[in-house]
Amino acid sequence: MRAAKIVMTSLAAASLITTAALAQQSMSGMVTKIDRLSGTISIQQTQTGTVGAAGGAIQEYKVPKGQSLEELHAGDKVTFTTTDGDGGKAISKLDKQK
């Protein structure tokens, strides 16, 4: 019984570590809309995979108060990482591609 408890605890810990690593995965996309008043940005994620695949879905993310949106405009290509919080998805890192 004790060995089973250790195995289950180890599996749960591995699952949490894997989930956290996936949550911090760097993604890329194109800015479709910026709402500077509410501090949100909409990004269409770049589709990876086969040639001719349609673009990804457009997602809206909250931007932290310290992050400036002044340099970004609709149509800019960006790389970003997100986190899932109580208030929905939020940008944790946002960089404009050159």
PDB file of N, CA and C in Angstrom:
ATOM      1  N   MET A   1       0.823  -1.195   0.000  1.00  0.00           N
ATOM      2  CA  MET A   1       0.000   0.000   0.000  1.00  0.00           C
ATOM      3  C   MET A   1       0.866   1.258   0.000  1.00  0.00           C
ATOM      4  N   ARG A   2       1.955   1.208   0.756  1.00  0.00           N
ATOM      5  CA  ARG A   2       2.819   2.373   0.839  1.00  0.00           C
ATOM      6  C   ARG A   2       3.504   2.639  -0.507  1.00  0.00           C
ATOM      7  N   ALA A   3       3.905   1.582  -1.189  1.00  0.00           N
ATOM      8  CA  ALA A   3       4.552   1.742  -2.496  1.00  0.00           C
ATOM      9  C   ALA A   3       3.580   2.352  -3.506  1.00  0.00           C
ATOM     10  N   ALA A   4       2.344   1.934  -3.454  1.00  0.00           N
ATOM     11  CA  ALA A   4       1.340   2.481  -4.371  1.00  0.00           C
ATOM     12  C   ALA A   4       1.131   3.968  -4.108  1.00  0.00           C
ATOM     13  N   LYS A   5       1.152   4.368  -2.851  1.00  0.00           N
ATOM     14  CA  LYS A   5       0.984   5.781  -2.503  1.00  0.00           C
ATOM     15  C   LYS A   5       2.162   6.596  -3.033  1.00  0.00           C
ATOM     16  N   ILE A   6       3.370   6.061  -2.931  1.00  0.00           N
ATOM     17  CA  ILE A   6       4.565   6.752  -3.427  1.00  0.00           C
ATOM     18  C   ILE A   6       4.497   6.901  -4.948  1.00  0.00           C
ATOM     19  N   VAL A   7       4.086   5.850  -5.637  1.00  0.00           N
ATOM     20  CA  VAL A   7       3.979   5.894  -7.093  1.00  0.00           C
ATOM     21  C   VAL A   7       2.930   6.919  -7.518  1.00  0.00           C
ATOM     22  N   MET A   8       1.793   6.930  -6.875  1.00  0.00           N
ATOM     23  CA  MET A   8       0.727   7.875  -7.223  1.00  0.00           C
ATOM     24  C   MET A   8       1.167   9.323  -6.969  1.00  0.00           C
ATOM     25  N   THR A   9       1.877   9.553  -5.869  1.00  0.00           N
ATOM     26  CA  THR A   9       2.379  10.888  -5.564  1.00  0.00           C
ATOM     27  C   THR A   9       3.390  11.330  -6.610  1.00  0.00           C
ATOM     28  N   SER A  10       4.262  10.413  -7.023  1.00  0.00           N
ATOM     29  CA  SER A  10       5.261  10.718  -8.055  1.00  0.00           C
ATOM     30  C   SER A  10       4.594  11.047  -9.382  1.00  0.00           C
ATOM     31  N   LEU A  11       3.572  10.294  -9.767  1.00  0.00           N
ATOM     32  CA  LEU A  11       2.850  10.564 -11.005  1.00  0.00           C
ATOM     33  C   LEU A  11       2.150  11.921 -10.963  1.00  0.00           C
ATOM     34  N   ALA A  12       1.572  12.259  -9.841  1.00  0.00           N
ATOM     35  CA  ALA A  12       0.900  13.552  -9.708  1.00  0.00           C
ATOM     36  C   ALA A  12       1.906  14.696  -9.823  1.00  0.00           C
ATOM     37  N   ALA A  13       3.069  14.544  -9.205  1.00  0.00           N
ATOM     38  CA  ALA A  13       4.103  15.584  -9.283  1.00  0.00           C
ATOM     39  C   ALA A  13       4.618  15.730 -10.708  1.00  0.00           C
ATOM     40  N   ALA A  14       4.836  14.619 -11.396  1.00  0.00           N
ATOM     41  CA  ALA A  14       5.300  14.667 -12.792  1.00  0.00           C
ATOM     42  C   ALA A  14       4.263  15.336 -13.679  1.00  0.00           C
ATOM     43  N   SER A  15       3.006  15.087 -13.419  1.00  0.00           N
ATOM     44  CA  SER A  15       1.935  15.705 -14.195  1.00  0.00           C
ATOM     45  C   SER A  15       1.919  17.219 -14.005  1.00  0.00           C
ATOM     46  N   LEU A  16       2.097  17.682 -12.783  1.00  0.00           N
ATOM     47  CA  LEU A  16       2.133  19.117 -12.508  1.00  0.00           C
ATOM     48  C   LEU A  16       3.326  19.792 -13.165  1.00  0.00           C
ATOM     49  N   ILE A  17       4.470  19.145 -13.144  1.00  0.00           N
ATOM     50  CA  ILE A  17       5.671  19.707 -13.763  1.00  0.00           C
ATOM     51  C   ILE A  17       5.482  19.800 -15.268  1.00  0.00           C
ATOM     52  N   THR A  18       4.932  18.769 -15.875  1.00  0.00           N
ATOM     53  CA  THR A  18       4.692  18.766 -17.319  1.00  0.00           C
ATOM     54  C   THR A  18       3.689  19.853 -17.696  1.00  0.00           C
ATOM     55  N   THR A  19       2.630  20.004 -16.924  1.00  0.00           N
ATOM     56  CA  THR A  19       1.624  21.022 -17.192  1.00  0.00           C
ATOM     57  C   THR A  19       2.227  22.418 -17.094  1.00  0.00           C
ATOM     58  N   ALA A  20       3.054  22.661 -16.103  1.00  0.00           N
ATOM     59  CA  ALA A  20       3.690  23.973 -15.952  1.00  0.00           C
ATOM     60  C   ALA A  20       4.630  24.257 -17.115  1.00  0.00           C
ATOM     61  N   ALA A  21       5.344  23.252 -17.573  1.00  0.00           N
ATOM     62  CA  ALA A  21       6.252  23.446 -18.704  1.00  0.00           C
ATOM     63  C   ALA A  21       5.471  23.763 -19.973  1.00  0.00           C
ATOM     64  N   LEU A  22       4.361  23.105 -20.189  1.00  0.00           N
ATOM     65  CA  LEU A  22       3.548  23.374 -21.367  1.00  0.00           C
ATOM     66  C   LEU A  22       2.885  24.744 -21.284  1.00  0.00           C
ATOM     67  N   ALA A  23       2.539  25.174 -20.093  1.00  0.00           N
ATOM     68  CA  ALA A  23       1.887  26.471 -19.933  1.00  0.00           C
ATOM     69  C   ALA A  23       2.836  27.614 -20.274  1.00  0.00           C
ATOM     70  N   GLN A  24       4.132  27.409 -20.156  1.00  0.00           N
ATOM     71  CA  GLN A  24       5.105  28.447 -20.436  1.00  0.00           C
ATOM     72  C   GLN A  24       5.705  28.318 -21.835  1.00  0.00           C
ATOM     73  N   GLN A  25       5.095  27.535 -22.691  1.00  0.00           N
ATOM     74  CA  GLN A  25       5.597  27.325 -24.039  1.00  0.00           C
ATOM     75  C   GLN A  25       5.536  28.616 -24.835  1.00  0.00           C
ATOM     76  N   SER A  26       6.620  28.908 -25.543  1.00  0.00           N
ATOM     77  CA  SER A  26       6.664  30.112 -26.366  1.00  0.00           C
ATOM     78  C   SER A  26       5.863  29.887 -27.641  1.00  0.00           C
ATOM     79  N   MET A  27       5.036  30.866 -27.993  1.00  0.00           N
ATOM     80  CA  MET A  27       4.204  30.776 -29.183  1.00  0.00           C
ATOM     81  C   MET A  27       4.457  32.004 -30.048  1.00  0.00           C
ATOM     82  N   SER A  28       3.994  31.944 -31.281  1.00  0.00           N
ATOM     83  CA  SER A  28       4.114  33.102 -32.164  1.00  0.00           C
ATOM     84  C   SER A  28       2.767  33.336 -32.840  1.00  0.00           C
ATOM     85  N   GLY A  29       2.583  34.582 -33.283  1.00  0.00           N
ATOM     86  CA  GLY A  29       1.326  34.909 -33.920  1.00  0.00           C
ATOM     87  C   GLY A  29       1.335  36.329 -34.439  1.00  0.00           C
ATOM     88  N   MET A  30       0.144  36.792 -34.861  1.00  0.00           N
ATOM     89  CA  MET A  30      -0.012  38.128 -35.405  1.00  0.00           C
ATOM     90  C   MET A  30      -1.059  38.882 -34.577  1.00  0.00           C
ATOM     91  N   VAL A  31      -0.729  40.105 -34.210  1.00  0.00           N
ATOM     92  CA  VAL A  31      -1.644  40.949 -33.447  1.00  0.00           C
ATOM     93  C   VAL A  31      -2.817  41.313 -34.348  1.00  0.00           C
ATOM     94  N   THR A  32      -4.036  41.084 -33.882  1.00  0.00           N
ATOM     95  CA  THR A  32      -5.222  41.440 -34.662  1.00  0.00           C
ATOM     96  C   THR A  32      -5.958  42.634 -34.064  1.00  0.00           C
ATOM     97  N   LYS A  33      -5.820  42.835 -32.742  1.00  0.00           N
ATOM     98  CA  LYS A  33      -6.527  43.946 -32.097  1.00  0.00           C
ATOM     99  C   LYS A  33      -5.835  44.286 -30.789  1.00  0.00           C
ATOM    100  N   ILE A  34      -5.743  45.571 -30.495  1.00  0.00           N
ATOM    101  CA  ILE A  34      -5.181  46.035 -29.232  1.00  0.00           C
ATOM    102  C   ILE A  34      -6.192  46.969 -28.581  1.00  0.00           C
ATOM    103  N   ASP A  35      -6.528  46.696 -27.332  1.00  0.00           N
ATOM    104  CA  ASP A  35      -7.409  47.578 -26.568  1.00  0.00           C
ATOM    105  C   ASP A  35      -6.593  48.126 -25.398  1.00  0.00           C
ATOM    106  N   ARG A  36      -6.014  49.293 -25.600  1.00  0.00           N
ATOM    107  CA  ARG A  36      -5.131  49.881 -24.597  1.00  0.00           C
ATOM    108  C   ARG A  36      -5.896  50.311 -23.343  1.00  0.00           C
ATOM    109  N   LEU A  37      -7.160  50.657 -23.479  1.00  0.00           N
ATOM    110  CA  LEU A  37      -7.950  51.083 -22.320  1.00  0.00           C
ATOM    111  C   LEU A  37      -8.217  49.935 -21.348  1.00  0.00           C
ATOM    112  N   SER A  38      -8.545  48.767 -21.888  1.00  0.00           N
ATOM    113  CA  SER A  38      -8.831  47.625 -21.017  1.00  0.00           C
ATOM    114  C   SER A  38      -7.597  46.758 -20.781  1.00  0.00           C
ATOM    115  N   GLY A  39      -6.484  47.039 -21.483  1.00  0.00           N
ATOM    116  CA  GLY A  39      -5.249  46.279 -21.288  1.00  0.00           C
ATOM    117  C   GLY A  39      -5.319  44.870 -21.844  1.00  0.00           C
ATOM    118  N   THR A  40      -5.947  44.723 -23.026  1.00  0.00           N
ATOM    119  CA  THR A  40      -6.028  43.406 -23.649  1.00  0.00           C
ATOM    120  C   THR A  40      -5.467  43.467 -25.065  1.00  0.00           C
ATOM    121  N   ILE A  41      -5.051  42.315 -25.544  1.00  0.00           N
ATOM    122  CA  ILE A  41      -4.521  42.188 -26.896  1.00  0.00           C
ATOM    123  C   ILE A  41      -5.062  40.896 -27.491  1.00  0.00           C
ATOM    124  N   SER A  42      -5.443  40.939 -28.753  1.00  0.00           N
ATOM    125  CA  SER A  42      -5.924  39.744 -29.459  1.00  0.00           C
ATOM    126  C   SER A  42      -4.837  39.305 -30.426  1.00  0.00           C
ATOM    127  N   ILE A  43      -4.515  38.017 -30.400  1.00  0.00           N
ATOM    128  CA  ILE A  43      -3.448  37.465 -31.226  1.00  0.00           C
ATOM    129  C   ILE A  43      -3.959  36.229 -31.950  1.00  0.00           C
ATOM    130  N   GLN A  44      -3.698  36.188 -33.261  1.00  0.00           N
ATOM    131  CA  GLN A  44      -4.000  34.994 -34.044  1.00  0.00           C
ATOM    132  C   GLN A  44      -2.725  34.170 -34.073  1.00  0.00           C
ATOM    133  N   GLN A  45      -2.785  33.005 -33.447  1.00  0.00           N
ATOM    134  CA  GLN A  45      -1.618  32.153 -33.325  1.00  0.00           C
ATOM    135  C   GLN A  45      -1.212  31.606 -34.688  1.00  0.00           C
ATOM    136  N   THR A  46       0.106  31.559 -34.945  1.00  0.00           N
ATOM    137  CA  THR A  46       0.623  31.011 -36.186  1.00  0.00           C
ATOM    138  C   THR A  46       0.391  29.508 -36.191  1.00  0.00           C
ATOM    139  N   GLN A  47      -0.182  29.021 -37.271  1.00  0.00           N
ATOM    140  CA  GLN A  47      -0.474  27.598 -37.403  1.00  0.00           C
ATOM    141  C   GLN A  47       0.781  26.855 -37.820  1.00  0.00           C
ATOM    142  N   THR A  48       1.096  25.792 -37.126  1.00  0.00           N
ATOM    143  CA  THR A  48       2.210  24.947 -37.519  1.00  0.00           C
ATOM    144  C   THR A  48       1.647  23.653 -38.066  1.00  0.00           C
ATOM    145  N   GLY A  49       2.374  23.031 -38.957  1.00  0.00           N
ATOM    146  CA  GLY A  49       1.905  21.765 -39.493  1.00  0.00           C
ATOM    147  C   GLY A  49       1.997  21.736 -41.001  1.00  0.00           C
ATOM    148  N   THR A  50       0.973  21.214 -41.633  1.00  0.00           N
ATOM    149  CA  THR A  50       1.005  20.985 -43.065  1.00  0.00           C
ATOM    150  C   THR A  50       0.854  22.272 -43.867  1.00  0.00           C
ATOM    151  N   VAL A  51       1.319  22.225 -45.087  1.00  0.00           N
ATOM    152  CA  VAL A  51       1.194  23.362 -45.993  1.00  0.00           C
ATOM    153  C   VAL A  51      -0.278  23.555 -46.321  1.00  0.00           C
ATOM    154  N   GLY A  52      -0.733  24.792 -46.326  1.00  0.00           N
ATOM    155  CA  GLY A  52      -2.120  25.080 -46.654  1.00  0.00           C
ATOM    156  C   GLY A  52      -3.056  25.026 -45.475  1.00  0.00           C
ATOM    157  N   ALA A  53      -2.511  24.799 -44.264  1.00  0.00           N
ATOM    158  CA  ALA A  53      -3.370  24.766 -43.087  1.00  0.00           C
ATOM    159  C   ALA A  53      -3.890  26.166 -42.805  1.00  0.00           C
ATOM    160  N   ALA A  54      -5.117  26.237 -42.352  1.00  0.00           N
ATOM    161  CA  ALA A  54      -5.726  27.539 -42.043  1.00  0.00           C
ATOM    162  C   ALA A  54      -5.069  28.132 -40.810  1.00  0.00           C
ATOM    163  N   GLY A  55      -5.173  29.451 -40.640  1.00  0.00           N
ATOM    164  CA  GLY A  55      -4.598  30.129 -39.485  1.00  0.00           C
ATOM    165  C   GLY A  55      -5.263  29.685 -38.197  1.00  0.00           C
ATOM    166  N   GLY A  56      -4.566  29.898 -37.095  1.00  0.00           N
ATOM    167  CA  GLY A  56      -5.084  29.513 -35.796  1.00  0.00           C
ATOM    168  C   GLY A  56      -6.200  30.433 -35.343  1.00  0.00           C
ATOM    169  N   ALA A  57      -6.837  30.048 -34.270  1.00  0.00           N
ATOM    170  CA  ALA A  57      -7.927  30.845 -33.715  1.00  0.00           C
ATOM    171  C   ALA A  57      -7.383  32.119 -33.080  1.00  0.00           C
ATOM    172  N   ILE A  58      -8.196  33.143 -33.050  1.00  0.00           N
ATOM    173  CA  ILE A  58      -7.807  34.407 -32.429  1.00  0.00           C
ATOM    174  C   ILE A  58      -8.178  34.340 -30.947  1.00  0.00           C
ATOM    175  N   GLN A  59      -7.192  34.599 -30.098  1.00  0.00           N
ATOM    176  CA  GLN A  59      -7.390  34.581 -28.652  1.00  0.00           C
ATOM    177  C   GLN A  59      -7.155  35.974 -28.086  1.00  0.00           C
ATOM    178  N   GLU A  60      -7.909  36.331 -27.068  1.00  0.00           N
ATOM    179  CA  GLU A  60      -7.706  37.603 -26.380  1.00  0.00           C
ATOM    180  C   GLU A  60      -7.011  37.332 -25.052  1.00  0.00           C
ATOM    181  N   TYR A  61      -5.976  38.125 -24.773  1.00  0.00           N
ATOM    182  CA  TYR A  61      -5.177  37.956 -23.566  1.00  0.00           C
ATOM    183  C   TYR A  61      -5.123  39.259 -22.789  1.00  0.00           C
ATOM    184  N   LYS A  62      -5.049  39.152 -21.466  1.00  0.00           N
ATOM    185  CA  LYS A  62      -4.820  40.315 -20.624  1.00  0.00           C
ATOM    186  C   LYS A  62      -3.325  40.596 -20.608  1.00  0.00           C
ATOM    187  N   VAL A  63      -2.981  41.870 -20.538  1.00  0.00           N
ATOM    188  CA  VAL A  63      -1.582  42.282 -20.510  1.00  0.00           C
ATOM    189  C   VAL A  63      -1.289  42.851 -19.129  1.00  0.00           C
ATOM    190  N   PRO A  64      -0.169  42.446 -18.503  1.00  0.00           N
ATOM    191  CA  PRO A  64       0.162  42.995 -17.174  1.00  0.00           C
ATOM    192  C   PRO A  64       0.327  44.513 -17.226  1.00  0.00           C
ATOM    193  N   LYS A  65       0.062  45.182 -16.117  1.00  0.00           N
ATOM    194  CA  LYS A  65       0.110  46.642 -16.071  1.00  0.00           C
ATOM    195  C   LYS A  65       1.472  47.205 -16.439  1.00  0.00           C
ATOM    196  N   GLY A  66       2.551  46.512 -16.181  1.00  0.00           N
ATOM    197  CA  GLY A  66       3.886  47.016 -16.499  1.00  0.00           C
ATOM    198  C   GLY A  66       4.257  46.893 -17.971  1.00  0.00           C
ATOM    199  N   GLN A  67       3.517  46.091 -18.735  1.00  0.00           N
ATOM    200  CA  GLN A  67       3.831  45.845 -20.154  1.00  0.00           C
ATOM    201  C   GLN A  67       3.236  46.955 -21.016  1.00  0.00           C
ATOM    202  N   SER A  68       4.075  47.600 -21.809  1.00  0.00           N
ATOM    203  CA  SER A  68       3.612  48.672 -22.686  1.00  0.00           C
ATOM    204  C   SER A  68       3.121  48.096 -24.013  1.00  0.00           C
ATOM    205  N   LEU A  69       2.003  48.619 -24.494  1.00  0.00           N
ATOM    206  CA  LEU A  69       1.457  48.210 -25.787  1.00  0.00           C
ATOM    207  C   LEU A  69       1.655  49.286 -26.845  1.00  0.00           C
ATOM    208  N   GLU A  70       2.354  50.362 -26.503  1.00  0.00           N
ATOM    209  CA  GLU A  70       2.512  51.496 -27.403  1.00  0.00           C
ATOM    210  C   GLU A  70       3.291  51.159 -28.675  1.00  0.00           C
ATOM    211  N   GLU A  71       4.224  50.231 -28.606  1.00  0.00           N
ATOM    212  CA  GLU A  71       5.048  49.882 -29.771  1.00  0.00           C
ATOM    213  C   GLU A  71       4.357  48.904 -30.715  1.00  0.00           C
ATOM    214  N   LEU A  72       3.262  48.323 -30.288  1.00  0.00           N
ATOM    215  CA  LEU A  72       2.586  47.298 -31.085  1.00  0.00           C
ATOM    216  C   LEU A  72       1.401  47.872 -31.849  1.00  0.00           C
ATOM    217  N   HIS A  73       1.163  47.294 -33.025  1.00  0.00           N
ATOM    218  CA  HIS A  73       0.034  47.679 -33.863  1.00  0.00           C
ATOM    219  C   HIS A  73      -0.571  46.419 -34.472  1.00  0.00           C
ATOM    220  N   ALA A  74      -1.815  46.492 -34.889  1.00  0.00           N
ATOM    221  CA  ALA A  74      -2.461  45.360 -35.564  1.00  0.00           C
ATOM    222  C   ALA A  74      -1.643  44.998 -36.796  1.00  0.00           C
ATOM    223  N   GLY A  75      -1.409  43.713 -36.988  1.00  0.00           N
ATOM    224  CA  GLY A  75      -0.614  43.227 -38.111  1.00  0.00           C
ATOM    225  C   GLY A  75       0.815  42.889 -37.731  1.00  0.00           C
ATOM    226  N   ASP A  76       1.276  43.340 -36.558  1.00  0.00           N
ATOM    227  CA  ASP A  76       2.634  43.011 -36.110  1.00  0.00           C
ATOM    228  C   ASP A  76       2.733  41.539 -35.752  1.00  0.00           C
ATOM    229  N   LYS A  77       3.863  40.938 -36.092  1.00  0.00           N
ATOM    230  CA  LYS A  77       4.135  39.556 -35.709  1.00  0.00           C
ATOM    231  C   LYS A  77       4.856  39.578 -34.369  1.00  0.00           C
ATOM    232  N   VAL A  78       4.429  38.696 -33.456  1.00  0.00           N
ATOM    233  CA  VAL A  78       4.972  38.671 -32.101  1.00  0.00           C
ATOM    234  C   VAL A  78       5.264  37.244 -31.658  1.00  0.00           C
ATOM    235  N   THR A  79       6.151  37.126 -30.683  1.00  0.00           N
ATOM    236  CA  THR A  79       6.332  35.883 -29.946  1.00  0.00           C
ATOM    237  C   THR A  79       5.872  36.170 -28.527  1.00  0.00           C
ATOM    238  N   PHE A  80       5.255  35.187 -27.883  1.00  0.00           N
ATOM    239  CA  PHE A  80       4.690  35.435 -26.567  1.00  0.00           C
ATOM    240  C   PHE A  80       4.562  34.148 -25.774  1.00  0.00           C
ATOM    241  N   THR A  81       4.489  34.306 -24.470  1.00  0.00           N
ATOM    242  CA  THR A  81       4.161  33.197 -23.580  1.00  0.00           C
ATOM    243  C   THR A  81       2.963  33.631 -22.747  1.00  0.00           C
ATOM    244  N   THR A  82       2.164  32.677 -22.360  1.00  0.00           N
ATOM    245  CA  THR A  82       0.946  32.979 -21.614  1.00  0.00           C
ATOM    246  C   THR A  82       0.883  32.182 -20.328  1.00  0.00           C
ATOM    247  N   THR A  83       0.050  32.649 -19.431  1.00  0.00           N
ATOM    248  CA  THR A  83      -0.251  31.918 -18.215  1.00  0.00           C
ATOM    249  C   THR A  83      -1.761  31.909 -18.040  1.00  0.00           C
ATOM    250  N   ASP A  84      -2.257  30.875 -17.417  1.00  0.00           N
ATOM    251  CA  ASP A  84      -3.685  30.790 -17.107  1.00  0.00           C
ATOM    252  C   ASP A  84      -3.871  31.210 -15.660  1.00  0.00           C
ATOM    253  N   GLY A  85      -4.654  32.255 -15.458  1.00  0.00           N
ATOM    254  CA  GLY A  85      -4.914  32.753 -14.108  1.00  0.00           C
ATOM    255  C   GLY A  85      -6.386  32.709 -13.802  1.00  0.00           C
ATOM    256  N   ASP A  86      -6.745  33.312 -12.678  1.00  0.00           N
ATOM    257  CA  ASP A  86      -8.146  33.349 -12.254  1.00  0.00           C
ATOM    258  C   ASP A  86      -8.999  34.161 -13.221  1.00  0.00           C
ATOM    259  N   GLY A  87      -8.414  35.230 -13.781  1.00  0.00           N
ATOM    260  CA  GLY A  87      -9.167  36.101 -14.665  1.00  0.00           C
ATOM    261  C   GLY A  87      -9.073  35.698 -16.123  1.00  0.00           C
ATOM    262  N   GLY A  88      -8.556  34.526 -16.437  1.00  0.00           N
ATOM    263  CA  GLY A  88      -8.416  34.069 -17.814  1.00  0.00           C
ATOM    264  C   GLY A  88      -6.958  34.039 -18.235  1.00  0.00           C
ATOM    265  N   LYS A  89      -6.727  33.988 -19.528  1.00  0.00           N
ATOM    266  CA  LYS A  89      -5.362  33.906 -20.052  1.00  0.00           C
ATOM    267  C   LYS A  89      -4.703  35.280 -20.024  1.00  0.00           C
ATOM    268  N   ALA A  90      -3.428  35.286 -19.645  1.00  0.00           N
ATOM    269  CA  ALA A  90      -2.687  36.534 -19.580  1.00  0.00           C
ATOM    270  C   ALA A  90      -1.327  36.355 -20.242  1.00  0.00           C
ATOM    271  N   ILE A  91      -0.812  37.414 -20.823  1.00  0.00           N
ATOM    272  CA  ILE A  91       0.507  37.423 -21.432  1.00  0.00           C
ATOM    273  C   ILE A  91       1.545  37.538 -20.318  1.00  0.00           C
ATOM    274  N   SER A  92       2.538  36.667 -20.322  1.00  0.00           N
ATOM    275  CA  SER A  92       3.611  36.808 -19.350  1.00  0.00           C
ATOM    276  C   SER A  92       4.857  37.397 -20.002  1.00  0.00           C
ATOM    277  N   LYS A  93       5.011  37.201 -21.312  1.00  0.00           N
ATOM    278  CA  LYS A  93       6.126  37.787 -22.053  1.00  0.00           C
ATOM    279  C   LYS A  93       5.648  38.058 -23.464  1.00  0.00           C
ATOM    280  N   LEU A  94       5.979  39.238 -24.007  1.00  0.00           N
ATOM    281  CA  LEU A  94       5.525  39.639 -25.330  1.00  0.00           C
ATOM    282  C   LEU A  94       6.647  40.380 -26.029  1.00  0.00           C
ATOM    283  N   ASP A  95       7.082  39.868 -27.187  1.00  0.00           N
ATOM    284  CA  ASP A  95       8.154  40.487 -27.961  1.00  0.00           C
ATOM    285  C   ASP A  95       7.730  40.631 -29.406  1.00  0.00           C
ATOM    286  N   LYS A  96       7.994  41.819 -29.984  1.00  0.00           N
ATOM    287  CA  LYS A  96       7.706  42.065 -31.381  1.00  0.00           C
ATOM    288  C   LYS A  96       8.825  41.453 -32.231  1.00  0.00           C
ATOM    289  N   GLN A  97       8.430  40.697 -33.273  1.00  0.00           N
ATOM    290  CA  GLN A  97       9.426  40.113 -34.179  1.00  0.00           C
ATOM    291  C   GLN A  97       9.899  41.172 -35.158  1.00  0.00           C
ATOM    292  N   LYS A  98      11.131  41.035 -35.588  1.00  0.00           N
ATOM    293  CA  LYS A  98      11.687  42.006 -36.543  1.00  0.00           C
ATOM    294  C   LYS A  98      11.624  41.497 -37.939  1.00  0.00           C
TER     295      LYS A  98
END
